[in-house]
PDB file of N, CA and C in Angstrom:
ATOM      1  N   ILE A   1      16.928  -8.061  12.038  1.00  0.00           N
ATOM      2  CA  ILE A   1      16.127  -7.116  12.492  1.00  0.00           C
ATOM      3  C   ILE A   1      15.759  -7.583  14.059  1.00  0.00           C
ATOM      4  N   GLU A   2      15.560  -8.868  14.155  1.00  0.00           N
ATOM      5  CA  GLU A   2      15.180  -9.212  15.672  1.00  0.00           C
ATOM      6  C   GLU A   2      16.358  -9.139  16.518  1.00  0.00           C
ATOM      7  N   THR A   3      17.538  -9.416  16.010  1.00  0.00           N
ATOM      8  CA  THR A   3      18.792  -9.356  16.850  1.00  0.00           C
ATOM      9  C   THR A   3      19.450  -7.925  16.951  1.00  0.00           C
ATOM     10  N   GLU A   4      19.016  -7.123  16.035  1.00  0.00           N
ATOM     11  CA  GLU A   4      19.671  -5.795  16.126  1.00  0.00           C
ATOM     12  C   GLU A   4      18.471  -4.719  15.915  1.00  0.00           C
ATOM     13  N   PRO A   5      17.575  -4.542  16.924  1.00  0.00           N
ATOM     14  CA  PRO A   5      16.415  -3.684  16.745  1.00  0.00           C
ATOM     15  C   PRO A   5      16.896  -2.201  16.563  1.00  0.00           C
ATOM     16  N   GLU A   6      18.089  -1.914  16.977  1.00  0.00           N
ATOM     17  CA  GLU A   6      18.562  -0.577  16.840  1.00  0.00           C
ATOM     18  C   GLU A   6      18.789  -0.074  15.352  1.00  0.00           C
ATOM     19  N   ILE A   7      18.885  -1.061  14.399  1.00  0.00           N
ATOM     20  CA  ILE A   7      18.966  -0.708  13.057  1.00  0.00           C
ATOM     21  C   ILE A   7      17.672  -0.187  12.690  1.00  0.00           C
ATOM     22  N   VAL A   8      16.574  -0.864  12.956  1.00  0.00           N
ATOM     23  CA  VAL A   8      15.210  -0.266  12.663  1.00  0.00           C
ATOM     24  C   VAL A   8      14.923   0.991  13.279  1.00  0.00           C
ATOM     25  N   GLN A   9      15.376   1.145  14.459  1.00  0.00           N
ATOM     26  CA  GLN A   9      15.247   2.613  15.178  1.00  0.00           C
ATOM     27  C   GLN A   9      16.016   3.508  14.526  1.00  0.00           C
ATOM     28  N   HIS A  10      17.196   3.224  14.108  1.00  0.00           N
ATOM     29  CA  HIS A  10      17.974   4.318  13.276  1.00  0.00           C
ATOM     30  C   HIS A  10      17.356   4.675  12.052  1.00  0.00           C
ATOM     31  N   MET A  11      16.754   3.595  11.249  1.00  0.00           N
ATOM     32  CA  MET A  11      16.024   3.878  10.065  1.00  0.00           C
ATOM     33  C   MET A  11      14.813   4.939  10.336  1.00  0.00           C
ATOM     34  N   TRP A  12      14.048   4.661  11.387  1.00  0.00           N
ATOM     35  CA  TRP A  12      13.049   5.448  11.640  1.00  0.00           C
ATOM     36  C   TRP A  12      13.481   6.885  12.071  1.00  0.00           C
ATOM     37  N   ALA A  13      14.519   6.887  12.857  1.00  0.00           N
ATOM     38  CA  ALA A  13      15.113   8.265  13.250  1.00  0.00           C
ATOM     39  C   ALA A  13      15.548   9.081  11.934  1.00  0.00           C
ATOM     40  N   ASN A  14      16.195   8.396  10.976  1.00  0.00           N
ATOM     41  CA  ASN A  14      16.553   9.050   9.782  1.00  0.00           C
ATOM     42  C   ASN A  14      15.295   9.574   8.968  1.00  0.00           C
ATOM     43  N   ALA A  15      14.333   8.728   8.915  1.00  0.00           N
ATOM     44  CA  ALA A  15      13.139   9.120   8.183  1.00  0.00           C
ATOM     45  C   ALA A  15      12.473  10.474   8.819  1.00  0.00           C
ATOM     46  N   GLU A  16      12.321  10.350  10.091  1.00  0.00           N
ATOM     47  CA  GLU A  16      11.700  11.551  10.901  1.00  0.00           C
ATOM     48  C   GLU A  16      12.632  12.745  10.821  1.00  0.00           C
ATOM     49  N   PHE A  17      13.969  12.612  10.812  1.00  0.00           N
ATOM     50  CA  PHE A  17      14.917  13.771  10.648  1.00  0.00           C
ATOM     51  C   PHE A  17      14.658  14.290   9.242  1.00  0.00           C
ATOM     52  N   MET A  18      14.485  13.590   8.265  1.00  0.00           N
ATOM     53  CA  MET A  18      14.303  14.104   6.913  1.00  0.00           C
ATOM     54  C   MET A  18      12.932  14.667   6.717  1.00  0.00           C
ATOM     55  N   ARG A  19      11.975  14.008   7.271  1.00  0.00           N
ATOM     56  CA  ARG A  19      10.563  14.597   7.051  1.00  0.00           C
ATOM     57  C   ARG A  19      10.458  15.910   7.796  1.00  0.00           C
ATOM     58  N   ALA A  20      10.967  16.072   9.030  1.00  0.00           N
ATOM     59  CA  ALA A  20      10.950  17.340   9.745  1.00  0.00           C
ATOM     60  C   ALA A  20      11.749  18.322   8.964  1.00  0.00           C
ATOM     61  N   GLY A  21      12.898  17.986   8.370  1.00  0.00           N
ATOM     62  CA  GLY A  21      13.749  18.958   7.655  1.00  0.00           C
ATOM     63  C   GLY A  21      13.078  19.432   6.429  1.00  0.00           C
ATOM     64  N   LEU A  22      12.540  18.461   5.633  1.00  0.00           N
ATOM     65  CA  LEU A  22      11.762  18.880   4.383  1.00  0.00           C
ATOM     66  C   LEU A  22      10.657  19.691   4.692  1.00  0.00           C
ATOM     67  N   LYS A  23       9.874  19.536   5.775  1.00  0.00           N
ATOM     68  CA  LYS A  23       8.686  20.360   6.111  1.00  0.00           C
ATOM     69  C   LYS A  23       9.128  21.701   6.510  1.00  0.00           C
ATOM     70  N   ARG A  24      10.340  21.736   7.290  1.00  0.00           N
ATOM     71  CA  ARG A  24      10.804  23.054   7.830  1.00  0.00           C
ATOM     72  C   ARG A  24      11.364  23.917   6.720  1.00  0.00           C
ATOM     73  N   LEU A  25      11.689  23.296   5.537  1.00  0.00           N
ATOM     74  CA  LEU A  25      12.210  23.965   4.365  1.00  0.00           C
ATOM     75  C   LEU A  25      11.011  24.322   3.527  1.00  0.00           C
ATOM     76  N   GLY A  26       9.813  23.969   3.794  1.00  0.00           N
ATOM     77  CA  GLY A  26       8.626  24.260   3.125  1.00  0.00           C
ATOM     78  C   GLY A  26       8.110  23.363   2.214  1.00  0.00           C
ATOM     79  N   PHE A  27       8.609  22.125   2.114  1.00  0.00           N
ATOM     80  CA  PHE A  27       8.188  21.177   1.063  1.00  0.00           C
ATOM     81  C   PHE A  27       6.985  20.438   1.544  1.00  0.00           C
ATOM     82  N   HIS A  28       6.111  20.136   0.642  1.00  0.00           N
ATOM     83  CA  HIS A  28       4.965  19.369   0.970  1.00  0.00           C
ATOM     84  C   HIS A  28       5.194  17.866   0.940  1.00  0.00           C
ATOM     85  N   THR A  29       5.083  17.144   2.041  1.00  0.00           N
ATOM     86  CA  THR A  29       5.386  15.710   2.041  1.00  0.00           C
ATOM     87  C   THR A  29       4.149  14.743   2.211  1.00  0.00           C
ATOM     88  N   GLY A  30       3.023  15.491   2.125  1.00  0.00           N
ATOM     89  CA  GLY A  30       1.766  14.570   2.180  1.00  0.00           C
ATOM     90  C   GLY A  30       1.601  14.031   3.516  1.00  0.00           C
ATOM     91  N   ASN A  31       0.864  12.975   3.547  1.00  0.00           N
ATOM     92  CA  ASN A  31       0.564  12.346   4.894  1.00  0.00           C
ATOM     93  C   ASN A  31       1.495  11.038   5.199  1.00  0.00           C
ATOM     94  N   SER A  32       2.520  11.041   4.450  1.00  0.00           N
ATOM     95  CA  SER A  32       3.369   9.842   4.591  1.00  0.00           C
ATOM     96  C   SER A  32       3.892   9.667   6.041  1.00  0.00           C
ATOM     97  N   ASN A  33       3.844   8.394   6.585  1.00  0.00           N
ATOM     98  CA  ASN A  33       4.407   8.130   7.890  1.00  0.00           C
ATOM     99  C   ASN A  33       5.363   6.865   7.755  1.00  0.00           C
ATOM    100  N   THR A  34       5.994   6.808   6.627  1.00  0.00           N
ATOM    101  CA  THR A  34       6.887   5.653   6.421  1.00  0.00           C
ATOM    102  C   THR A  34       8.227   6.273   6.045  1.00  0.00           C
ATOM    103  N   PRO A  35       9.348   5.419   5.840  1.00  0.00           N
ATOM    104  CA  PRO A  35      10.627   5.934   5.392  1.00  0.00           C
ATOM    105  C   PRO A  35      10.731   6.207   3.958  1.00  0.00           C
ATOM    106  N   ILE A  36       9.585   6.059   3.316  1.00  0.00           N
ATOM    107  CA  ILE A  36       9.449   6.526   1.926  1.00  0.00           C
ATOM    108  C   ILE A  36       8.741   7.876   1.910  1.00  0.00           C
ATOM    109  N   ILE A  37       9.352   8.985   1.611  1.00  0.00           N
ATOM    110  CA  ILE A  37       8.660  10.271   1.791  1.00  0.00           C
ATOM    111  C   ILE A  37       8.568  10.893   0.432  1.00  0.00           C
ATOM    112  N   PRO A  38       7.328  11.259   0.124  1.00  0.00           N
ATOM    113  CA  PRO A  38       7.153  11.985  -1.127  1.00  0.00           C
ATOM    114  C   PRO A  38       7.456  13.525  -1.011  1.00  0.00           C
ATOM    115  N   VAL A  39       8.045  13.962  -2.068  1.00  0.00           N
ATOM    116  CA  VAL A  39       8.155  15.552  -2.002  1.00  0.00           C
ATOM    117  C   VAL A  39       7.254  15.945  -3.196  1.00  0.00           C
ATOM    118  N   ILE A  40       6.015  16.499  -2.740  1.00  0.00           N
ATOM    119  CA  ILE A  40       5.029  16.744  -3.802  1.00  0.00           C
ATOM    120  C   ILE A  40       5.303  18.110  -4.352  1.00  0.00           C
ATOM    121  N   ILE A  41       5.582  18.102  -5.710  1.00  0.00           N
ATOM    122  CA  ILE A  41       5.780  19.496  -6.528  1.00  0.00           C
ATOM    123  C   ILE A  41       4.647  19.806  -7.180  1.00  0.00           C
ATOM    124  N   GLY A  42       3.874  18.934  -7.802  1.00  0.00           N
ATOM    125  CA  GLY A  42       2.677  19.260  -8.552  1.00  0.00           C
ATOM    126  C   GLY A  42       2.924  19.236  -9.983  1.00  0.00           C
ATOM    127  N   ASP A  43       3.772  20.260 -10.454  1.00  0.00           N
ATOM    128  CA  ASP A  43       4.021  20.446 -11.943  1.00  0.00           C
ATOM    129  C   ASP A  43       4.885  19.375 -12.414  1.00  0.00           C
ATOM    130  N   ASP A  44       4.514  18.817 -13.573  1.00  0.00           N
ATOM    131  CA  ASP A  44       5.374  17.766 -14.174  1.00  0.00           C
ATOM    132  C   ASP A  44       6.693  18.258 -14.478  1.00  0.00           C
ATOM    133  N   PHE A  45       6.889  19.346 -15.226  1.00  0.00           N
ATOM    134  CA  PHE A  45       7.993  19.934 -15.694  1.00  0.00           C
ATOM    135  C   PHE A  45       8.963  20.294 -14.511  1.00  0.00           C
ATOM    136  N   ARG A  46       8.428  20.913 -13.538  1.00  0.00           N
ATOM    137  CA  ARG A  46       9.210  21.297 -12.303  1.00  0.00           C
ATOM    138  C   ARG A  46       9.660  20.027 -11.528  1.00  0.00           C
ATOM    139  N   THR A  47       8.931  19.157 -11.571  1.00  0.00           N
ATOM    140  CA  THR A  47       9.304  17.789 -10.881  1.00  0.00           C
ATOM    141  C   THR A  47      10.452  17.074 -11.613  1.00  0.00           C
ATOM    142  N   VAL A  48      10.378  17.037 -12.921  1.00  0.00           N
ATOM    143  CA  VAL A  48      11.511  16.432 -13.707  1.00  0.00           C
ATOM    144  C   VAL A  48      12.683  17.346 -13.586  1.00  0.00           C
ATOM    145  N   MET A  49      12.700  18.653 -13.606  1.00  0.00           N
ATOM    146  CA  MET A  49      13.880  19.518 -13.372  1.00  0.00           C
ATOM    147  C   MET A  49      14.414  19.345 -12.084  1.00  0.00           C
ATOM    148  N   ALA A  50      13.583  19.139 -10.978  1.00  0.00           N
ATOM    149  CA  ALA A  50      14.106  18.980  -9.650  1.00  0.00           C
ATOM    150  C   ALA A  50      14.834  17.671  -9.521  1.00  0.00           C
ATOM    151  N   TRP A  51      14.183  16.616 -10.091  1.00  0.00           N
ATOM    152  CA  TRP A  51      14.792  15.265 -10.133  1.00  0.00           C
ATOM    153  C   TRP A  51      16.205  15.333 -10.838  1.00  0.00           C
ATOM    154  N   HIS A  52      16.318  15.986 -12.070  1.00  0.00           N
ATOM    155  CA  HIS A  52      17.456  16.111 -12.828  1.00  0.00           C
ATOM    156  C   HIS A  52      18.612  16.856 -11.943  1.00  0.00           C
ATOM    157  N   ALA A  53      18.192  17.950 -11.336  1.00  0.00           N
ATOM    158  CA  ALA A  53      19.106  18.727 -10.594  1.00  0.00           C
ATOM    159  C   ALA A  53      19.700  17.872  -9.367  1.00  0.00           C
ATOM    160  N   LEU A  54      18.863  17.128  -8.780  1.00  0.00           N
ATOM    161  CA  LEU A  54      19.247  16.193  -7.565  1.00  0.00           C
ATOM    162  C   LEU A  54      20.260  15.139  -8.146  1.00  0.00           C
ATOM    163  N   ILE A  55      19.882  14.439  -9.314  1.00  0.00           N
ATOM    164  CA  ILE A  55      20.701  13.501  -9.844  1.00  0.00           C
ATOM    165  C   ILE A  55      22.085  14.053 -10.212  1.00  0.00           C
ATOM    166  N   GLU A  56      22.081  15.193 -10.710  1.00  0.00           N
ATOM    167  CA  GLU A  56      23.481  15.929 -11.106  1.00  0.00           C
ATOM    168  C   GLU A  56      24.328  16.088  -9.847  1.00  0.00           C
ATOM    169  N   GLU A  57      23.720  16.231  -8.663  1.00  0.00           N
ATOM    170  CA  GLU A  57      24.324  16.345  -7.361  1.00  0.00           C
ATOM    171  C   GLU A  57      24.631  15.052  -6.641  1.00  0.00           C
ATOM    172  N   GLY A  58      24.251  14.001  -7.357  1.00  0.00           N
ATOM    173  CA  GLY A  58      24.472  12.602  -6.787  1.00  0.00           C
ATOM    174  C   GLY A  58      23.413  12.104  -5.789  1.00  0.00           C
ATOM    175  N   VAL A  59      22.213  12.797  -5.826  1.00  0.00           N
ATOM    176  CA  VAL A  59      21.123  12.381  -4.940  1.00  0.00           C
ATOM    177  C   VAL A  59      20.086  11.675  -5.814  1.00  0.00           C
ATOM    178  N   TYR A  60      19.808  10.378  -5.297  1.00  0.00           N
ATOM    179  CA  TYR A  60      18.958   9.598  -6.163  1.00  0.00           C
ATOM    180  C   TYR A  60      17.571   9.663  -5.631  1.00  0.00           C
ATOM    181  N   THR A  61      16.608  10.111  -6.454  1.00  0.00           N
ATOM    182  CA  THR A  61      15.198   9.996  -6.210  1.00  0.00           C
ATOM    183  C   THR A  61      14.409   9.427  -7.356  1.00  0.00           C
ATOM    184  N   ASN A  62      13.167   9.121  -7.209  1.00  0.00           N
ATOM    185  CA  ASN A  62      12.390   8.616  -8.336  1.00  0.00           C
ATOM    186  C   ASN A  62      11.270   9.690  -8.513  1.00  0.00           C
ATOM    187  N   PRO A  63      11.344  10.161  -9.812  1.00  0.00           N
ATOM    188  CA  PRO A  63      10.182  11.049 -10.119  1.00  0.00           C
ATOM    189  C   PRO A  63       8.858  10.263 -10.437  1.00  0.00           C
ATOM    190  N   VAL A  64       7.699  10.653  -9.957  1.00  0.00           N
ATOM    191  CA  VAL A  64       6.524  10.024 -10.182  1.00  0.00           C
ATOM    192  C   VAL A  64       5.530  10.987 -10.819  1.00  0.00           C
ATOM    193  N   LEU A  65       5.248  10.734 -12.098  1.00  0.00           N
ATOM    194  CA  LEU A  65       4.371  11.597 -12.804  1.00  0.00           C
ATOM    195  C   LEU A  65       3.052  10.921 -13.234  1.00  0.00           C
ATOM    196  N   PRO A  66       2.045  11.575 -13.623  1.00  0.00           N
ATOM    197  CA  PRO A  66       0.733  10.972 -14.188  1.00  0.00           C
ATOM    198  C   PRO A  66       1.232   9.967 -15.343  1.00  0.00           C
ATOM    199  N   PRO A  67       0.624   8.733 -15.337  1.00  0.00           N
ATOM    200  CA  PRO A  67      -0.591   8.274 -14.610  1.00  0.00           C
ATOM    201  C   PRO A  67      -0.248   7.647 -13.248  1.00  0.00           C
ATOM    202  N   GLY A  68       1.082   7.678 -12.755  1.00  0.00           N
ATOM    203  CA  GLY A  68       1.448   7.065 -11.565  1.00  0.00           C
ATOM    204  C   GLY A  68       0.791   7.868 -10.320  1.00  0.00           C
ATOM    205  N   VAL A  69       0.481   9.138 -10.578  1.00  0.00           N
ATOM    206  CA  VAL A  69      -0.212  10.001  -9.493  1.00  0.00           C
ATOM    207  C   VAL A  69      -1.252  10.718 -10.343  1.00  0.00           C
ATOM    208  N   PRO A  70      -2.253  11.247  -9.617  1.00  0.00           N
ATOM    209  CA  PRO A  70      -3.230  12.075 -10.319  1.00  0.00           C
ATOM    210  C   PRO A  70      -2.570  13.271 -11.011  1.00  0.00           C
ATOM    211  N   PRO A  71      -3.168  13.890 -12.142  1.00  0.00           N
ATOM    212  CA  PRO A  71      -2.622  15.049 -12.627  1.00  0.00           C
ATOM    213  C   PRO A  71      -2.595  16.185 -11.604  1.00  0.00           C
ATOM    214  N   GLY A  72      -1.437  17.002 -11.809  1.00  0.00           N
ATOM    215  CA  GLY A  72      -1.202  18.028 -10.756  1.00  0.00           C
ATOM    216  C   GLY A  72      -0.630  17.693  -9.436  1.00  0.00           C
ATOM    217  N   SER A  73      -0.219  16.357  -9.312  1.00  0.00           N
ATOM    218  CA  SER A  73       0.352  15.966  -8.066  1.00  0.00           C
ATOM    219  C   SER A  73       1.659  15.187  -8.241  1.00  0.00           C
ATOM    220  N   SER A  74       2.455  15.569  -9.221  1.00  0.00           N
ATOM    221  CA  SER A  74       3.734  14.909  -9.502  1.00  0.00           C
ATOM    222  C   SER A  74       4.690  15.126  -8.332  1.00  0.00           C
ATOM    223  N   LEU A  75       5.533  14.201  -8.093  1.00  0.00           N
ATOM    224  CA  LEU A  75       6.360  14.185  -6.869  1.00  0.00           C
ATOM    225  C   LEU A  75       7.678  13.461  -7.129  1.00  0.00           C
ATOM    226  N   LEU A  76       8.528  13.757  -6.145  1.00  0.00           N
ATOM    227  CA  LEU A  76       9.688  13.038  -5.943  1.00  0.00           C
ATOM    228  C   LEU A  76       9.647  11.858  -4.962  1.00  0.00           C
ATOM    229  N   ARG A  77       9.874  10.676  -5.110  1.00  0.00           N
ATOM    230  CA  ARG A  77       9.815   9.680  -4.119  1.00  0.00           C
ATOM    231  C   ARG A  77      11.205   9.553  -3.496  1.00  0.00           C
ATOM    232  N   THR A  78      11.266   9.782  -2.228  1.00  0.00           N
ATOM    233  CA  THR A  78      12.624   9.666  -1.568  1.00  0.00           C
ATOM    234  C   THR A  78      12.482   8.523  -0.591  1.00  0.00           C
ATOM    235  N   SER A  79      13.687   7.816  -0.253  1.00  0.00           N
ATOM    236  CA  SER A  79      13.620   6.739   0.572  1.00  0.00           C
ATOM    237  C   SER A  79      14.791   6.802   1.560  1.00  0.00           C
ATOM    238  N   TYR A  80      14.617   6.348   2.728  1.00  0.00           N
ATOM    239  CA  TYR A  80      15.605   6.507   3.755  1.00  0.00           C
ATOM    240  C   TYR A  80      15.943   5.144   4.330  1.00  0.00           C
ATOM    241  N   MET A  81      17.207   4.834   4.653  1.00  0.00           N
ATOM    242  CA  MET A  81      17.658   3.559   5.224  1.00  0.00           C
ATOM    243  C   MET A  81      18.500   3.801   6.449  1.00  0.00           C
ATOM    244  N   ALA A  82      18.635   2.743   7.316  1.00  0.00           N
ATOM    245  CA  ALA A  82      19.536   2.931   8.463  1.00  0.00           C
ATOM    246  C   ALA A  82      20.907   3.161   8.249  1.00  0.00           C
ATOM    247  N   SER A  83      21.361   2.924   7.016  1.00  0.00           N
ATOM    248  CA  SER A  83      22.786   3.151   6.690  1.00  0.00           C
ATOM    249  C   SER A  83      22.975   4.637   6.401  1.00  0.00           C
ATOM    250  N   HIS A  84      21.878   5.414   6.072  1.00  0.00           N
ATOM    251  CA  HIS A  84      22.165   6.880   5.857  1.00  0.00           C
ATOM    252  C   HIS A  84      22.614   7.569   7.109  1.00  0.00           C
ATOM    253  N   THR A  85      23.314   8.705   7.003  1.00  0.00           N
ATOM    254  CA  THR A  85      23.759   9.551   8.079  1.00  0.00           C
ATOM    255  C   THR A  85      23.126  10.750   7.866  1.00  0.00           C
ATOM    256  N   GLU A  86      23.181  11.652   8.864  1.00  0.00           N
ATOM    257  CA  GLU A  86      22.653  12.996   8.820  1.00  0.00           C
ATOM    258  C   GLU A  86      23.420  13.815   7.783  1.00  0.00           C
ATOM    259  N   ALA A  87      24.673  13.452   7.567  1.00  0.00           N
ATOM    260  CA  ALA A  87      25.426  14.117   6.471  1.00  0.00           C
ATOM    261  C   ALA A  87      24.913  13.874   5.098  1.00  0.00           C
ATOM    262  N   HIS A  88      24.421  12.611   4.963  1.00  0.00           N
ATOM    263  CA  HIS A  88      23.808  12.170   3.570  1.00  0.00           C
ATOM    264  C   HIS A  88      22.688  13.114   3.356  1.00  0.00           C
TER     265      HIS A  88
END
């Protein structure tokens, strides 16, 4: 990280690209300002169905349901790395 700061910059650029894109599409991403971006769905069943649909398409996310979050705030936890591309 110290010898290649551009890797960290690329990771942050990827996270901001995704955060902006998710918001533009109408997704609620909360107040996250890290490369771990929640997609807050709210309903447990809809969250699990969205997670399953993404897994079927090869997109890995983590569903987070109560008691991991308060009732009514289920979400998909997405993470972004420097190795991701805009195509990913």
